C-alpha atoms as a PDB file:
ATOM      1  CA  UNK A   1       0.000   0.000   0.000  1.00  0.00           C
ATOM      2  CA  UNK A   2       1.046   3.597  -0.620  1.00  0.00           C
ATOM      3  CA  UNK A   3      -0.244   6.282   1.750  1.00  0.00           C
ATOM      4  CA  UNK A   4       0.560   9.922   1.033  1.00  0.00           C
ATOM      5  CA  UNK A   5      -0.307  12.777   3.416  1.00  0.00           C
ATOM      6  CA  UNK A   6       0.205  16.475   2.571  1.00  0.00           C
ATOM      7  CA  UNK A   7       3.344  15.779   0.525  1.00  0.00           C
ATOM      8  CA  UNK A   8       5.205  18.910  -0.593  1.00  0.00           C
ATOM      9  CA  UNK A   9       8.324  19.387  -2.726  1.00  0.00           C
ATOM     10  CA  UNK A  10       9.887  22.785  -3.285  1.00  0.00           C
ATOM     11  CA  UNK A  11      12.822  23.738  -5.497  1.00  0.00           C
ATOM     12  CA  UNK A  12      13.865  27.137  -4.203  1.00  0.00           C
ATOM     13  CA  UNK A  13      10.886  29.442  -4.697  1.00  0.00           C
ATOM     14  CA  UNK A  14       9.092  27.001  -7.028  1.00  0.00           C
ATOM     15  CA  UNK A  15       6.715  24.408  -5.557  1.00  0.00           C
ATOM     16  CA  UNK A  16       6.466  21.312  -7.745  1.00  0.00           C
ATOM     17  CA  UNK A  17       4.161  19.308  -5.457  1.00  0.00           C
ATOM     18  CA  UNK A  18       1.674  21.207  -3.288  1.00  0.00           C
ATOM     19  CA  UNK A  19       0.461  19.163  -0.345  1.00  0.00           C
ATOM     20  CA  UNK A  20      -1.050  16.142  -2.094  1.00  0.00           C
ATOM     21  CA  UNK A  21      -2.701  13.211  -0.301  1.00  0.00           C
ATOM     22  CA  UNK A  22      -3.854   9.869  -1.713  1.00  0.00           C
ATOM     23  CA  UNK A  23      -3.834   6.111  -1.133  1.00  0.00           C
ATOM     24  CA  UNK A  24      -2.927   3.355  -3.600  1.00  0.00           C
ATOM     25  CA  UNK A  25      -4.290  -0.055  -2.571  1.00  0.00           C
ATOM     26  CA  UNK A  26      -2.875  -3.565  -3.138  1.00  0.00           C
ATOM     27  CA  UNK A  27      -4.310  -5.522  -6.045  1.00  0.00           C
ATOM     28  CA  UNK A  28      -5.107  -2.381  -8.037  1.00  0.00           C
ATOM     29  CA  UNK A  29      -3.518  -0.301 -10.763  1.00  0.00           C
ATOM     30  CA  UNK A  30      -3.664   3.306  -9.610  1.00  0.00           C
ATOM     31  CA  UNK A  31      -3.229   5.746 -12.458  1.00  0.00           C
ATOM     32  CA  UNK A  32      -1.319   8.960 -11.826  1.00  0.00           C
ATOM     33  CA  UNK A  33      -2.542  11.152 -14.624  1.00  0.00           C
ATOM     34  CA  UNK A  34      -1.582  14.642 -15.649  1.00  0.00           C
ATOM     35  CA  UNK A  35       0.118  16.758 -18.299  1.00  0.00           C
ATOM     36  CA  UNK A  36       3.879  17.064 -18.573  1.00  0.00           C
ATOM     37  CA  UNK A  37       5.182  19.163 -15.693  1.00  0.00           C
ATOM     38  CA  UNK A  38       2.221  18.407 -13.417  1.00  0.00           C
ATOM     39  CA  UNK A  39       4.389  16.878 -10.658  1.00  0.00           C
ATOM     40  CA  UNK A  40       3.993  13.163 -11.424  1.00  0.00           C
ATOM     41  CA  UNK A  41       7.679  12.251 -11.716  1.00  0.00           C
ATOM     42  CA  UNK A  42       8.656  14.381  -8.710  1.00  0.00           C
ATOM     43  CA  UNK A  43       6.050  12.562  -6.606  1.00  0.00           C
ATOM     44  CA  UNK A  44       7.253   9.145  -7.786  1.00  0.00           C
ATOM     45  CA  UNK A  45      10.863   9.994  -7.022  1.00  0.00           C
ATOM     46  CA  UNK A  46       9.862  10.949  -3.479  1.00  0.00           C
ATOM     47  CA  UNK A  47       7.909   7.707  -3.048  1.00  0.00           C
ATOM     48  CA  UNK A  48      10.885   5.607  -4.156  1.00  0.00           C
ATOM     49  CA  UNK A  49      13.351   7.393  -1.872  1.00  0.00           C
ATOM     50  CA  UNK A  50      15.302   9.042  -4.703  1.00  0.00           C
ATOM     51  CA  UNK A  51      14.184  12.523  -3.675  1.00  0.00           C
ATOM     52  CA  UNK A  52      13.502  13.809  -0.143  1.00  0.00           C
ATOM     53  CA  UNK A  53      10.197  15.625   0.398  1.00  0.00           C
ATOM     54  CA  UNK A  54      10.178  19.187   1.690  1.00  0.00           C
ATOM     55  CA  UNK A  55       7.346  18.347   4.069  1.00  0.00           C
ATOM     56  CA  UNK A  56       4.503  15.912   4.563  1.00  0.00           C
ATOM     57  CA  UNK A  57       4.601  12.161   4.915  1.00  0.00           C
ATOM     58  CA  UNK A  58       4.554   9.120   2.645  1.00  0.00           C
ATOM     59  CA  UNK A  59       4.326   5.515   3.803  1.00  0.00           C
ATOM     60  CA  UNK A  60       5.169   2.769   1.302  1.00  0.00           C
ATOM     61  CA  UNK A  61       4.654  -0.897   2.227  1.00  0.00           C
ATOM     62  CA  UNK A  62       4.392   0.174   5.867  1.00  0.00           C
ATOM     63  CA  UNK A  63       7.625   2.223   5.981  1.00  0.00           C
ATOM     64  CA  UNK A  64       8.164   5.970   6.027  1.00  0.00           C
ATOM     65  CA  UNK A  65      10.025   7.057   2.889  1.00  0.00           C
ATOM     66  CA  UNK A  66      11.969   9.740   4.746  1.00  0.00           C
ATOM     67  CA  UNK A  67      12.844   7.997   8.007  1.00  0.00           C
ATOM     68  CA  UNK A  68      13.098   4.425   6.658  1.00  0.00           C
ATOM     69  CA  UNK A  69      14.280   5.012   3.112  1.00  0.00           C
ATOM     70  CA  UNK A  70      16.355   1.816   2.809  1.00  0.00           C
ATOM     71  CA  UNK A  71      13.446  -0.350   3.942  1.00  0.00           C
ATOM     72  CA  UNK A  72      11.221   1.321   1.352  1.00  0.00           C
ATOM     73  CA  UNK A  73      13.744   0.697  -1.429  1.00  0.00           C
ATOM     74  CA  UNK A  74      13.843  -2.998  -0.582  1.00  0.00           C
ATOM     75  CA  UNK A  75      10.103  -3.224  -1.145  1.00  0.00           C
ATOM     76  CA  UNK A  76       9.654  -1.009  -4.210  1.00  0.00           C
ATOM     77  CA  UNK A  77      10.253  -1.841  -7.838  1.00  0.00           C
ATOM     78  CA  UNK A  78      10.801   1.344  -9.863  1.00  0.00           C
ATOM     79  CA  UNK A  79      10.730   1.755 -13.615  1.00  0.00           C
ATOM     80  CA  UNK A  80      11.790   5.327 -14.442  1.00  0.00           C
ATOM     81  CA  UNK A  81      10.759   7.042 -17.656  1.00  0.00           C
ATOM     82  CA  UNK A  82      14.285   6.660 -19.054  1.00  0.00           C
ATOM     83  CA  UNK A  83      15.414   3.131 -18.182  1.00  0.00           C
ATOM     84  CA  UNK A  84      19.134   3.017 -17.221  1.00  0.00           C
ATOM     85  CA  UNK A  85      20.386  -0.070 -19.074  1.00  0.00           C
ATOM     86  CA  UNK A  86      23.931  -1.289 -19.839  1.00  0.00           C
ATOM     87  CA  UNK A  87      23.503  -1.923 -23.530  1.00  0.00           C
ATOM     88  CA  UNK A  88      26.595  -4.089 -24.042  1.00  0.00           C
ATOM     89  CA  UNK A  89      25.322  -6.588 -21.464  1.00  0.00           C
ATOM     90  CA  UNK A  90      22.894  -9.356 -22.309  1.00  0.00           C
ATOM     91  CA  UNK A  91      19.463  -9.152 -20.728  1.00  0.00           C
ATOM     92  CA  UNK A  92      20.336 -12.049 -18.411  1.00  0.00           C
ATOM     93  CA  UNK A  93      23.745 -10.709 -17.348  1.00  0.00           C
ATOM     94  CA  UNK A  94      22.262  -7.240 -16.696  1.00  0.00           C
ATOM     95  CA  UNK A  95      19.590  -8.690 -14.424  1.00  0.00           C
ATOM     96  CA  UNK A  96      22.153 -10.870 -12.623  1.00  0.00           C
ATOM     97  CA  UNK A  97      24.290  -7.770 -12.082  1.00  0.00           C
ATOM     98  CA  UNK A  98      21.316  -5.863 -10.686  1.00  0.00           C
ATOM     99  CA  UNK A  99      20.556  -8.869  -8.492  1.00  0.00           C
ATOM    100  CA  UNK A 100      24.102  -8.765  -7.127  1.00  0.00           C
ATOM    101  CA  UNK A 101      23.686  -5.077  -6.243  1.00  0.00           C
ATOM    102  CA  UNK A 102      20.474  -5.931  -4.409  1.00  0.00           C
ATOM    103  CA  UNK A 103      22.097  -8.799  -2.551  1.00  0.00           C
ATOM    104  CA  UNK A 104      19.965 -11.556  -4.128  1.00  0.00           C
ATOM    105  CA  UNK A 105      21.610 -14.948  -3.631  1.00  0.00           C
ATOM    106  CA  UNK A 106      19.947 -17.010  -6.393  1.00  0.00           C
ATOM    107  CA  UNK A 107      20.536 -14.343  -9.039  1.00  0.00           C
ATOM    108  CA  UNK A 108      20.483 -16.489 -12.167  1.00  0.00           C
ATOM    109  CA  UNK A 109      17.284 -18.258 -11.199  1.00  0.00           C
ATOM    110  CA  UNK A 110      15.528 -14.979 -10.301  1.00  0.00           C
ATOM    111  CA  UNK A 111      16.723 -13.311 -13.507  1.00  0.00           C
ATOM    112  CA  UNK A 112      15.392 -16.192 -15.595  1.00  0.00           C
ATOM    113  CA  UNK A 113      12.078 -16.122 -13.727  1.00  0.00           C
ATOM    114  CA  UNK A 114      11.461 -12.410 -14.318  1.00  0.00           C
ATOM    115  CA  UNK A 115      12.491 -12.694 -17.968  1.00  0.00           C
ATOM    116  CA  UNK A 116       9.871 -15.403 -18.307  1.00  0.00           C
ATOM    117  CA  UNK A 117       7.354 -13.204 -16.552  1.00  0.00           C
ATOM    118  CA  UNK A 118       7.871 -10.315 -18.989  1.00  0.00           C
ATOM    119  CA  UNK A 119       7.922 -12.687 -22.008  1.00  0.00           C
ATOM    120  CA  UNK A 120      11.620 -12.226 -22.802  1.00  0.00           C
ATOM    121  CA  UNK A 121      13.002 -15.662 -21.904  1.00  0.00           C
ATOM    122  CA  UNK A 122      13.889 -16.324 -25.546  1.00  0.00           C
ATOM    123  CA  UNK A 123      16.031 -13.155 -25.648  1.00  0.00           C
ATOM    124  CA  UNK A 124      17.882 -13.767 -22.375  1.00  0.00           C
ATOM    125  CA  UNK A 125      21.286 -13.996 -24.110  1.00  0.00           C
ATOM    126  CA  UNK A 126      20.711 -11.113 -26.536  1.00  0.00           C
ATOM    127  CA  UNK A 127      22.690  -7.955 -25.978  1.00  0.00           C
ATOM    128  CA  UNK A 128      20.433  -5.163 -24.819  1.00  0.00           C
ATOM    129  CA  UNK A 129      21.547  -2.867 -27.664  1.00  0.00           C
ATOM    130  CA  UNK A 130      20.072  -5.343 -30.159  1.00  0.00           C
ATOM    131  CA  UNK A 131      16.635  -5.295 -28.528  1.00  0.00           C
ATOM    132  CA  UNK A 132      13.752  -3.134 -29.673  1.00  0.00           C
ATOM    133  CA  UNK A 133      12.544  -0.209 -27.544  1.00  0.00           C
ATOM    134  CA  UNK A 134       9.618  -2.305 -26.303  1.00  0.00           C
ATOM    135  CA  UNK A 135      11.907  -5.171 -25.328  1.00  0.00           C
ATOM    136  CA  UNK A 136      14.228  -2.789 -23.499  1.00  0.00           C
ATOM    137  CA  UNK A 137      11.232  -1.497 -21.547  1.00  0.00           C
ATOM    138  CA  UNK A 138      10.488  -5.118 -20.614  1.00  0.00           C
ATOM    139  CA  UNK A 139      14.068  -5.582 -19.413  1.00  0.00           C
ATOM    140  CA  UNK A 140      13.618  -2.480 -17.256  1.00  0.00           C
ATOM    141  CA  UNK A 141      10.385  -3.886 -15.901  1.00  0.00           C
ATOM    142  CA  UNK A 142      12.099  -7.222 -15.202  1.00  0.00           C
ATOM    143  CA  UNK A 143      14.711  -5.280 -13.177  1.00  0.00           C
ATOM    144  CA  UNK A 144      11.894  -3.680 -11.169  1.00  0.00           C
ATOM    145  CA  UNK A 145      10.413  -7.131 -10.458  1.00  0.00           C
ATOM    146  CA  UNK A 146      13.691  -8.864  -9.654  1.00  0.00           C
ATOM    147  CA  UNK A 147      13.482  -8.604  -5.850  1.00  0.00           C
ATOM    148  CA  UNK A 148       9.756  -9.501  -5.549  1.00  0.00           C
ATOM    149  CA  UNK A 149       8.644  -6.008  -4.474  1.00  0.00           C
ATOM    150  CA  UNK A 150       5.327  -5.385  -2.781  1.00  0.00           C
ATOM    151  CA  UNK A 151       4.964  -2.067  -4.613  1.00  0.00           C
ATOM    152  CA  UNK A 152       5.592  -1.247  -8.287  1.00  0.00           C
ATOM    153  CA  UNK A 153       5.991   2.341  -9.465  1.00  0.00           C
ATOM    154  CA  UNK A 154       6.062   2.778 -13.238  1.00  0.00           C
ATOM    155  CA  UNK A 155       6.764   6.204 -14.735  1.00  0.00           C
ATOM    156  CA  UNK A 156       5.436   6.577 -18.303  1.00  0.00           C
ATOM    157  CA  UNK A 157       6.307   2.940 -19.184  1.00  0.00           C
ATOM    158  CA  UNK A 158       4.781   3.014 -22.684  1.00  0.00           C
ATOM    159  CA  UNK A 159       6.311   6.263 -23.936  1.00  0.00           C
ATOM    160  CA  UNK A 160       8.033   5.866 -27.300  1.00  0.00           C
ATOM    161  CA  UNK A 161       6.608   2.412 -28.025  1.00  0.00           C
ATOM    162  CA  UNK A 162       4.787   1.432 -31.182  1.00  0.00           C
ATOM    163  CA  UNK A 163       1.056   0.582 -30.919  1.00  0.00           C
ATOM    164  CA  UNK A 164       1.596  -3.178 -30.744  1.00  0.00           C
ATOM    165  CA  UNK A 165       4.252  -2.824 -28.033  1.00  0.00           C
ATOM    166  CA  UNK A 166       1.937  -0.502 -26.098  1.00  0.00           C
ATOM    167  CA  UNK A 167      -0.836  -3.100 -26.137  1.00  0.00           C
ATOM    168  CA  UNK A 168       1.528  -5.812 -24.901  1.00  0.00           C
ATOM    169  CA  UNK A 169       2.883  -3.677 -22.072  1.00  0.00           C
ATOM    170  CA  UNK A 170      -0.601  -2.539 -21.007  1.00  0.00           C
ATOM    171  CA  UNK A 171      -1.691  -6.155 -20.712  1.00  0.00           C
ATOM    172  CA  UNK A 172       1.390  -6.929 -18.628  1.00  0.00           C
ATOM    173  CA  UNK A 173       0.692  -3.946 -16.345  1.00  0.00           C
ATOM    174  CA  UNK A 174      -2.909  -5.083 -15.827  1.00  0.00           C
ATOM    175  CA  UNK A 175      -1.671  -8.548 -14.877  1.00  0.00           C
ATOM    176  CA  UNK A 176       0.960  -7.190 -12.469  1.00  0.00           C
ATOM    177  CA  UNK A 177      -1.647  -4.989 -10.810  1.00  0.00           C
ATOM    178  CA  UNK A 178      -3.479  -8.072  -9.562  1.00  0.00           C
ATOM    179  CA  UNK A 179      -0.594  -9.072  -7.294  1.00  0.00           C
ATOM    180  CA  UNK A 180       1.066  -5.739  -6.422  1.00  0.00           C
ATOM    181  CA  UNK A 181       0.298  -2.231  -5.302  1.00  0.00           C
ATOM    182  CA  UNK A 182       0.929  -0.575  -8.660  1.00  0.00           C
ATOM    183  CA  UNK A 183       1.218   3.156  -9.307  1.00  0.00           C
ATOM    184  CA  UNK A 184       1.194   3.894 -13.013  1.00  0.00           C
ATOM    185  CA  UNK A 185       2.070   7.348 -14.328  1.00  0.00           C
ATOM    186  CA  UNK A 186       0.958   8.529 -17.748  1.00  0.00           C
ATOM    187  CA  UNK A 187      -0.150  11.600 -19.638  1.00  0.00           C
ATOM    188  CA  UNK A 188      -1.929   9.442 -22.241  1.00  0.00           C
ATOM    189  CA  UNK A 189      -5.583   9.622 -21.281  1.00  0.00           C
ATOM    190  CA  UNK A 190      -6.912   6.603 -23.164  1.00  0.00           C
ATOM    191  CA  UNK A 191      -4.140   4.489 -21.658  1.00  0.00           C
ATOM    192  CA  UNK A 192      -5.173   5.290 -18.081  1.00  0.00           C
ATOM    193  CA  UNK A 193      -8.792   4.488 -18.891  1.00  0.00           C
ATOM    194  CA  UNK A 194      -7.882   1.054 -20.253  1.00  0.00           C
ATOM    195  CA  UNK A 195      -5.364   0.035 -17.590  1.00  0.00           C
ATOM    196  CA  UNK A 196      -6.303   1.648 -14.276  1.00  0.00           C
ATOM    197  CA  UNK A 197      -8.777   0.690 -11.548  1.00  0.00           C
ATOM    198  CA  UNK A 198      -8.470   4.072  -9.856  1.00  0.00           C
ATOM    199  CA  UNK A 199      -7.288   7.363 -11.339  1.00  0.00           C
ATOM    200  CA  UNK A 200      -5.694  10.373  -9.659  1.00  0.00           C
ATOM    201  CA  UNK A 201      -5.593  13.498 -11.821  1.00  0.00           C
ATOM    202  CA  UNK A 202      -2.858  15.969 -10.903  1.00  0.00           C
ATOM    203  CA  UNK A 203      -2.272  19.420 -12.370  1.00  0.00           C
ATOM    204  CA  UNK A 204       0.129  22.186 -11.279  1.00  0.00           C
ATOM    205  CA  UNK A 205       1.295  20.001  -8.384  1.00  0.00           C
ATOM    206  CA  UNK A 206      -2.182  19.503  -6.924  1.00  0.00           C
ATOM    207  CA  UNK A 207      -4.664  16.631  -7.054  1.00  0.00           C
ATOM    208  CA  UNK A 208      -7.792  17.966  -8.711  1.00  0.00           C
ATOM    209  CA  UNK A 209      -9.939  14.824  -8.703  1.00  0.00           C
ATOM    210  CA  UNK A 210      -9.793  11.089  -8.010  1.00  0.00           C
ATOM    211  CA  UNK A 211     -11.896   7.999  -8.657  1.00  0.00           C
ATOM    212  CA  UNK A 212     -12.525   5.121 -11.036  1.00  0.00           C
ATOM    213  CA  UNK A 213     -13.108   6.016 -14.707  1.00  0.00           C
ATOM    214  CA  UNK A 214     -16.840   5.354 -14.171  1.00  0.00           C
ATOM    215  CA  UNK A 215     -16.943   7.531 -11.042  1.00  0.00           C
ATOM    216  CA  UNK A 216     -15.177  10.379 -12.804  1.00  0.00           C
ATOM    217  CA  UNK A 217     -17.650  10.200 -15.664  1.00  0.00           C
ATOM    218  CA  UNK A 218     -20.540  10.258 -13.174  1.00  0.00           C
ATOM    219  CA  UNK A 219     -19.109  13.286 -11.348  1.00  0.00           C
ATOM    220  CA  UNK A 220     -18.703  15.264 -14.534  1.00  0.00           C
ATOM    221  CA  UNK A 221     -22.110  14.346 -15.914  1.00  0.00           C
ATOM    222  CA  UNK A 222     -23.797  16.002 -12.902  1.00  0.00           C
ATOM    223  CA  UNK A 223     -24.024  19.685 -13.720  1.00  0.00           C
ATOM    224  CA  UNK A 224     -21.449  19.400 -16.467  1.00  0.00           C
ATOM    225  CA  UNK A 225     -21.458  20.699 -20.003  1.00  0.00           C
ATOM    226  CA  UNK A 226     -23.392  18.927 -22.735  1.00  0.00           C
ATOM    227  CA  UNK A 227     -22.502  18.442 -26.373  1.00  0.00           C
ATOM    228  CA  UNK A 228     -25.101  18.902 -29.117  1.00  0.00           C
ATOM    229  CA  UNK A 229     -25.020  18.067 -32.816  1.00  0.00           C
ATOM    230  CA  UNK A 230     -27.919  18.672 -35.223  1.00  0.00           C
ATOM    231  CA  UNK A 231     -28.395  18.308 -38.968  1.00  0.00           C
ATOM    232  CA  UNK A 232     -27.896  22.020 -39.639  1.00  0.00           C
ATOM    233  CA  UNK A 233     -24.682  24.054 -39.319  1.00  0.00           C
ATOM    234  CA  UNK A 234     -23.733  24.577 -35.692  1.00  0.00           C
ATOM    235  CA  UNK A 235     -23.563  28.353 -36.061  1.00  0.00           C
ATOM    236  CA  UNK A 236     -27.152  28.311 -37.361  1.00  0.00           C
ATOM    237  CA  UNK A 237     -28.413  26.414 -34.315  1.00  0.00           C
ATOM    238  CA  UNK A 238     -26.294  28.280 -31.751  1.00  0.00           C
ATOM    239  CA  UNK A 239     -28.606  31.312 -31.164  1.00  0.00           C
ATOM    240  CA  UNK A 240     -31.579  29.043 -30.386  1.00  0.00           C
ATOM    241  CA  UNK A 241     -29.562  27.166 -27.753  1.00  0.00           C
ATOM    242  CA  UNK A 242     -28.153  30.357 -26.254  1.00  0.00           C
ATOM    243  CA  UNK A 243     -31.697  31.697 -25.821  1.00  0.00           C
ATOM    244  CA  UNK A 244     -32.798  28.847 -23.549  1.00  0.00           C
ATOM    245  CA  UNK A 245     -33.223  29.787 -19.872  1.00  0.00           C
ATOM    246  CA  UNK A 246     -31.839  26.367 -18.894  1.00  0.00           C
ATOM    247  CA  UNK A 247     -28.520  27.236 -20.597  1.00  0.00           C
ATOM    248  CA  UNK A 248     -26.081  29.728 -19.067  1.00  0.00           C
ATOM    249  CA  UNK A 249     -24.040  29.987 -22.254  1.00  0.00           C
ATOM    250  CA  UNK A 250     -23.253  27.974 -25.355  1.00  0.00           C
ATOM    251  CA  UNK A 251     -20.346  28.003 -27.778  1.00  0.00           C
ATOM    252  CA  UNK A 252     -19.216  26.347 -30.992  1.00  0.00           C
ATOM    253  CA  UNK A 253     -16.940  23.305 -30.899  1.00  0.00           C
ATOM    254  CA  UNK A 254     -16.113  22.401 -34.509  1.00  0.00           C
ATOM    255  CA  UNK A 255     -19.397  21.043 -35.914  1.00  0.00           C
ATOM    256  CA  UNK A 256     -20.982  20.801 -32.446  1.00  0.00           C
ATOM    257  CA  UNK A 257     -22.349  23.095 -29.743  1.00  0.00           C
ATOM    258  CA  UNK A 258     -21.206  22.933 -26.122  1.00  0.00           C
ATOM    259  CA  UNK A 259     -23.815  24.180 -23.629  1.00  0.00           C
ATOM    260  CA  UNK A 260     -23.258  25.057 -19.958  1.00  0.00           C
ATOM    261  CA  UNK A 261     -26.302  24.544 -17.686  1.00  0.00           C
ATOM    262  CA  UNK A 262     -27.704  27.585 -15.900  1.00  0.00           C
ATOM    263  CA  UNK A 263     -28.341  25.454 -12.809  1.00  0.00           C
ATOM    264  CA  UNK A 264     -25.898  22.607 -12.059  1.00  0.00           C
ATOM    265  CA  UNK A 265     -28.739  20.665 -10.423  1.00  0.00           C
ATOM    266  CA  UNK A 266     -30.970  20.817 -13.517  1.00  0.00           C
ATOM    267  CA  UNK A 267     -30.148  18.776 -16.609  1.00  0.00           C
ATOM    268  CA  UNK A 268     -30.558  21.074 -19.652  1.00  0.00           C
ATOM    269  CA  UNK A 269     -30.844  18.233 -22.174  1.00  0.00           C
ATOM    270  CA  UNK A 270     -34.674  17.921 -22.179  1.00  0.00           C
ATOM    271  CA  UNK A 271     -35.034  21.645 -22.921  1.00  0.00           C
ATOM    272  CA  UNK A 272     -32.381  21.481 -25.622  1.00  0.00           C
ATOM    273  CA  UNK A 273     -34.068  18.465 -27.235  1.00  0.00           C
ATOM    274  CA  UNK A 274     -37.459  20.247 -27.260  1.00  0.00           C
ATOM    275  CA  UNK A 275     -35.912  23.345 -28.817  1.00  0.00           C
ATOM    276  CA  UNK A 276     -34.301  21.279 -31.567  1.00  0.00           C
ATOM    277  CA  UNK A 277     -37.553  19.435 -32.340  1.00  0.00           C
ATOM    278  CA  UNK A 278     -39.558  22.708 -32.343  1.00  0.00           C
ATOM    279  CA  UNK A 279     -37.177  24.076 -34.961  1.00  0.00           C
ATOM    280  CA  UNK A 280     -37.761  21.015 -37.123  1.00  0.00           C
ATOM    281  CA  UNK A 281     -34.118  19.948 -36.964  1.00  0.00           C
ATOM    282  CA  UNK A 282     -32.898  16.365 -36.592  1.00  0.00           C
ATOM    283  CA  UNK A 283     -31.128  15.644 -33.317  1.00  0.00           C
ATOM    284  CA  UNK A 284     -27.892  13.830 -34.195  1.00  0.00           C
ATOM    285  CA  UNK A 285     -26.186  13.771 -30.772  1.00  0.00           C
ATOM    286  CA  UNK A 286     -26.931  15.086 -27.285  1.00  0.00           C
ATOM    287  CA  UNK A 287     -24.801  13.861 -24.411  1.00  0.00           C
ATOM    288  CA  UNK A 288     -22.753  14.935 -21.387  1.00  0.00           C
ATOM    289  CA  UNK A 289     -19.427  16.193 -22.637  1.00  0.00           C
ATOM    290  CA  UNK A 290     -17.204  14.184 -20.300  1.00  0.00           C
ATOM    291  CA  UNK A 291     -17.896  10.629 -21.424  1.00  0.00           C
ATOM    292  CA  UNK A 292     -14.316   9.493 -21.896  1.00  0.00           C
ATOM    293  CA  UNK A 293     -11.205  10.161 -19.863  1.00  0.00           C
ATOM    294  CA  UNK A 294      -9.811  12.708 -22.288  1.00  0.00           C
ATOM    295  CA  UNK A 295     -12.934  14.845 -21.988  1.00  0.00           C
ATOM    296  CA  UNK A 296     -13.000  14.297 -18.202  1.00  0.00           C
ATOM    297  CA  UNK A 297      -9.421  15.547 -17.939  1.00  0.00           C
ATOM    298  CA  UNK A 298     -10.137  18.623 -20.054  1.00  0.00           C
ATOM    299  CA  UNK A 299     -13.316  19.315 -18.070  1.00  0.00           C
ATOM    300  CA  UNK A 300     -11.784  19.068 -14.588  1.00  0.00           C
ATOM    301  CA  UNK A 301      -8.748  21.138 -15.567  1.00  0.00           C
ATOM    302  CA  UNK A 302     -11.086  23.737 -17.095  1.00  0.00           C
ATOM    303  CA  UNK A 303     -13.067  23.891 -13.849  1.00  0.00           C
ATOM    304  CA  UNK A 304      -9.858  24.183 -11.815  1.00  0.00           C
ATOM    305  CA  UNK A 305      -8.626  27.047 -13.989  1.00  0.00           C
ATOM    306  CA  UNK A 306     -11.988  28.825 -13.643  1.00  0.00           C
ATOM    307  CA  UNK A 307     -11.894  28.396  -9.848  1.00  0.00           C
ATOM    308  CA  UNK A 308      -8.315  29.669  -9.668  1.00  0.00           C
ATOM    309  CA  UNK A 309      -9.143  32.669 -11.823  1.00  0.00           C
ATOM    310  CA  UNK A 310     -12.133  33.500  -9.602  1.00  0.00           C
ATOM    311  CA  UNK A 311     -10.107  33.517  -6.388  1.00  0.00           C
ATOM    312  CA  UNK A 312      -9.362  37.020  -5.045  1.00  0.00           C
ATOM    313  CA  UNK A 313      -5.787  38.176  -5.520  1.00  0.00           C
ATOM    314  CA  UNK A 314      -5.922  41.506  -3.691  1.00  0.00           C
ATOM    315  CA  UNK A 315      -6.304  40.089  -0.163  1.00  0.00           C
ATOM    316  CA  UNK A 316      -2.560  39.617   0.576  1.00  0.00           C
ATOM    317  CA  UNK A 317      -1.760  43.156  -0.492  1.00  0.00           C
ATOM    318  CA  UNK A 318      -4.612  44.536   1.581  1.00  0.00           C
ATOM    319  CA  UNK A 319      -3.449  42.519   4.575  1.00  0.00           C
ATOM    320  CA  UNK A 320       0.110  43.820   4.221  1.00  0.00           C
ATOM    321  CA  UNK A 321      -1.169  47.365   3.874  1.00  0.00           C
ATOM    322  CA  UNK A 322      -3.222  46.943   7.048  1.00  0.00           C
ATOM    323  CA  UNK A 323      -0.091  45.972   8.934  1.00  0.00           C
END
């Protein structure tokens, strides 16, 4: 299990991670989702003991990452975004070398077992430089599995792979998630939806929402924007939708219209459907906007940006002036 409480990481005046808290449970793949620069890799480096936190607490496999760093490292398998491999070694000799560093006694047997587990047993004696990018990722994953860790932390494991290699690695990650606590970082939205049991969305160093893909869809459907397509040009239909009292505002989105409800507790779709029928148009599509993870991510980040923009900025200055 991974338990994170108010974890903060600062680099000088810049704060990369801003007091995040979450739990990753055994037997699940927990997705850590966010754009580049959101704080995913910084968080993972703190959880693996590579980077000390500025403040807060993280417990991995029952051990504090700051006070019991060596115990955490014994129980974590880490696959960084850029896998550090010795390319002139064979896959087997590299894993045996890593096993020696970790103090594993039956190194050859363990190396052969993990190569079998990641479907690379037939390339055990191939030099790593001759392997494809996908195979090298599997060697890196085998290294992370070598010491039978309770927790696996994988940072962007499918980046740079071709579509077939991505599918293979996703299936392997799903299988590993059944027997480990697995934290899986990605900025590829469809990937998280297909692989993860629970998803944490992080942006600007803060967690902005969390839940299963189905739960996130349900959250966004309540009071969220709706997408409308009709059989006439969207700019022709737009004024009729904007005029509805159930709609706060509406805007064009390519050949569609996106409508924001006037009341988050009232679904505007019945009123929109009636307006379309009254105009004699054919209703092609009418649905909540956030129905897949990509739209959910865009929606929650949009809401966060709107909330941030609405927060008062003059209060600190006023407070200082009062002093």
